[in-house]
Structure formats: C-alpha cells, structure tokens
Amino acid sequence: METPSNPKTEDYTYKQGQYSPRKRKDTTPKVNPQLAVELVFQELKRVEAYTKRIEDATTKKVEIDRGSLESAENRLKNVLADFERQGNRMKNGSYVDKNVSMYSILCAVFSLLFACLMCYLWVDAAKDRDNYKRYYEYFQQEQNAK
C-alpha cells in the first residue's frame, strides 16, 4: 500500500478491497449572479433607509435638545435678572422682605394693643384713686388722731 506524503496534493492509488472515499457532491447552491446583485442592491437600499431614519431621528433629537437648552438658558437668565433687580433694590434701600415686614407689622400691632390696654388700666386705676381719695384722706386723719 502506498502512502503519499501529502494526501491532499498527491494522487493516490488504492488496492482492491481497500476503502475508497466517495466523491463529495457539490453542495454549493447555484446562484443566479443577476439575482444576487439585485438582492445586494435591495439590502443596500434597506440599509440606506434605516440610516436615513436614524439620521432624521438624531436631527430631531438635536433640535429638541437645542430647544430645551434654549428655554433653560432663558429661564436662567430670568432668574439672574431677578437677582440683579433685588440686589439693586437692596443697594438703594428700598428692598423689603415680605416675611420680615409681616412680622414687623404683627409686632407693632400687638405692641399697640398692649399699650392701649395698659393705658386703659392706668386710667381706670386713676379714676378709682380719685374716687377713693377722700375716704383715704379721712382714714389717714383718723389714724393720726388716735
């Protein structure tokens, strides 16, 4: 039996009764070249359509992002302008904080009410003193006489 050094390249000869490999059938499908080209072009068109859709969506996203960025920038500018206005008011002395002014007004009102109450009690006590003054003087005279 002959054994070649490289069975792929050399032609072998087999003795009778020895197993010989069957010829392989060609399993590669036969393709119509024109049909293959058409299929490739269809696939390319589909890829181009997807690419176009992705580009359009990206453009819309960028436009939306740009719009939201501009609106956020405008809001920030408004807030900064408000801070500047408040700073100018504070520099000019015309700035009044609403909470502080409300507490100040409440304190002033309660102070006035308390002052009015004290005045009323003082005046009432003075009237009583005037009413009882003659009795007090009489009692004092009797005490001194004893």
Protein backbone atom coordinates (compact mmCIF):
# COMPACT_ATOMS: atom_id res chain seq x y z
CA MET A 1 0.00 0.00 0.00
CA GLU A 2 1.30 3.34 -0.96
CA THR A 3 1.01 6.21 1.44
CA PRO A 4 1.61 9.57 -0.02
CA SER A 5 3.40 12.21 2.00
CA ASN A 6 0.69 14.77 1.35
CA PRO A 7 -2.67 13.16 0.64
CA LYS A 8 -4.33 16.39 -0.44
CA THR A 9 -1.96 17.13 -3.27
CA GLU A 10 -0.83 13.74 -4.46
CA ASP A 11 -2.96 11.31 -6.34
CA TYR A 12 -3.40 8.03 -4.58
CA THR A 13 -3.78 4.61 -5.92
CA TYR A 14 -5.84 2.11 -3.95
CA LYS A 15 -5.59 -1.62 -3.91
CA GLN A 16 -8.64 -3.71 -4.45
CA GLY A 17 -10.83 -4.15 -1.41
CA GLN A 18 -9.47 -1.09 0.26
CA TYR A 19 -11.98 1.60 1.31
CA SER A 20 -12.09 4.41 -1.15
CA PRO A 21 -13.80 7.66 -0.23
CA ARG A 22 -16.86 8.57 -2.19
CA LYS A 23 -16.79 11.61 -4.29
CA ARG A 24 -18.36 14.51 -2.48
CA LYS A 25 -21.30 16.09 -4.11
CA ASP A 26 -21.00 19.77 -4.66
CA THR A 27 -23.40 21.24 -2.07
CA THR A 28 -22.78 24.86 -3.02
CA PRO A 29 -26.04 26.24 -4.35
CA LYS A 30 -26.02 27.59 -7.82
CA VAL A 31 -26.77 31.28 -7.69
CA ASN A 32 -28.00 33.44 -10.45
CA PRO A 33 -25.50 36.34 -10.47
CA GLN A 34 -28.09 38.87 -11.60
CA LEU A 35 -30.44 37.81 -8.79
CA ALA A 36 -27.58 38.05 -6.27
CA VAL A 37 -26.77 41.57 -7.44
CA GLU A 38 -30.44 42.55 -7.16
CA LEU A 39 -30.62 41.12 -3.63
CA VAL A 40 -27.48 43.02 -2.64
CA PHE A 41 -28.91 46.25 -4.03
CA GLN A 42 -32.21 45.66 -2.17
CA GLU A 43 -30.27 45.10 1.02
CA LEU A 44 -28.26 48.28 0.42
CA LYS A 45 -31.48 50.25 -0.14
CA ARG A 46 -32.90 48.88 3.12
CA VAL A 47 -29.71 49.84 4.98
CA GLU A 48 -29.85 53.32 3.42
CA ALA A 49 -33.48 53.68 4.55
CA TYR A 50 -32.57 52.68 8.12
CA THR A 51 -29.59 55.05 8.05
CA LYS A 52 -31.85 57.86 6.82
CA ARG A 53 -34.38 57.16 9.61
CA ILE A 54 -31.61 57.17 12.19
CA GLU A 55 -30.21 60.44 10.82
CA ASP A 56 -33.67 62.03 10.87
CA ALA A 57 -34.31 60.89 14.44
CA THR A 58 -30.90 62.19 15.51
CA THR A 59 -31.60 65.55 13.85
CA LYS A 60 -34.97 65.81 15.61
CA LYS A 61 -33.36 64.89 18.93
CA VAL A 62 -30.71 67.56 18.43
CA GLU A 63 -33.42 70.11 17.60
CA ILE A 64 -35.41 69.11 20.69
CA ASP A 65 -32.29 69.27 22.83
CA ARG A 66 -31.40 72.65 21.37
CA GLY A 67 -34.92 73.94 22.13
CA SER A 68 -34.89 72.70 25.70
CA LEU A 69 -31.41 74.08 26.17
CA GLU A 70 -32.51 77.50 24.91
CA SER A 71 -35.57 77.51 27.20
CA ALA A 72 -33.41 76.51 30.19
CA GLU A 73 -30.96 79.27 29.27
CA ASN A 74 -33.79 81.82 29.10
CA ARG A 75 -35.13 80.71 32.50
CA LEU A 76 -31.67 81.01 33.99
CA LYS A 77 -31.30 84.49 32.51
CA ASN A 78 -34.65 85.49 34.05
CA VAL A 79 -33.61 84.21 37.47
CA LEU A 80 -30.30 86.06 37.24
CA ALA A 81 -32.10 89.24 36.18
CA ASP A 82 -34.41 88.90 39.21
CA PHE A 83 -31.38 88.53 41.48
CA GLU A 84 -29.84 91.65 39.93
CA ARG A 85 -33.07 93.61 40.46
CA GLN A 86 -33.25 92.51 44.09
CA GLY A 87 -29.58 93.41 44.57
CA ASN A 88 -30.20 96.87 43.15
CA ARG A 89 -33.22 97.34 45.42
CA MET A 90 -31.15 96.32 48.44
CA LYS A 91 -28.41 98.79 47.46
CA ASN A 92 -30.93 101.58 47.13
CA GLY A 93 -32.53 100.72 50.47
CA SER A 94 -35.98 100.13 49.02
CA TYR A 95 -35.86 96.37 49.42
CA VAL A 96 -38.34 94.92 51.94
CA ASP A 97 -38.54 91.24 52.64
CA LYS A 98 -42.19 90.13 52.83
CA ASN A 99 -41.71 87.81 55.81
CA VAL A 100 -39.79 90.37 57.82
CA SER A 101 -42.28 93.12 57.07
CA MET A 102 -45.22 90.87 58.08
CA TYR A 103 -43.59 90.00 61.42
CA SER A 104 -42.72 93.64 61.99
CA ILE A 105 -46.31 94.70 61.37
CA LEU A 106 -47.64 91.99 63.71
CA CYS A 107 -45.23 93.03 66.46
CA ALA A 108 -46.23 96.67 66.06
CA VAL A 109 -49.94 95.81 66.23
CA PHE A 110 -49.52 93.69 69.36
CA SER A 111 -47.38 96.37 70.96
CA LEU A 112 -50.05 98.99 70.27
CA LEU A 113 -52.78 96.75 71.66
CA PHE A 114 -50.76 96.11 74.80
CA ALA A 115 -50.07 99.84 75.20
CA CYS A 116 -53.77 100.62 74.81
CA LEU A 117 -54.66 98.01 77.42
CA MET A 118 -52.11 99.40 79.87
CA CYS A 119 -53.37 102.95 79.31
CA TYR A 120 -56.93 101.83 79.93
CA LEU A 121 -55.95 100.08 83.16
CA TRP A 122 -53.88 103.05 84.29
CA VAL A 123 -56.71 105.49 83.61
CA ASP A 124 -59.17 103.20 85.35
CA ALA A 125 -56.89 102.95 88.36
CA ALA A 126 -56.53 106.73 88.39
CA LYS A 127 -60.30 107.13 88.40
CA ASP A 128 -60.59 104.70 91.30
CA ARG A 129 -57.89 106.59 93.17
CA ASP A 130 -59.75 109.82 92.63
CA ASN A 131 -63.00 108.19 93.82
CA TYR A 132 -61.43 106.76 96.98
CA LYS A 133 -59.09 109.68 97.71
CA ARG A 134 -61.47 111.39 100.13
CA TYR A 135 -62.01 108.09 102.04
CA TYR A 136 -58.27 107.56 102.18
CA GLU A 137 -57.70 111.09 103.48
CA TYR A 138 -60.44 110.64 106.10
CA PHE A 139 -58.91 107.32 107.21
CA GLN A 140 -55.50 108.97 107.43
CA GLN A 141 -56.87 111.76 109.61
CA GLU A 142 -58.50 109.28 112.00
CA GLN A 143 -55.30 107.31 112.25
CA ASN A 144 -53.32 110.45 113.05
CA ALA A 145 -55.88 111.49 115.68
CA LYS A 146 -55.51 108.28 117.61
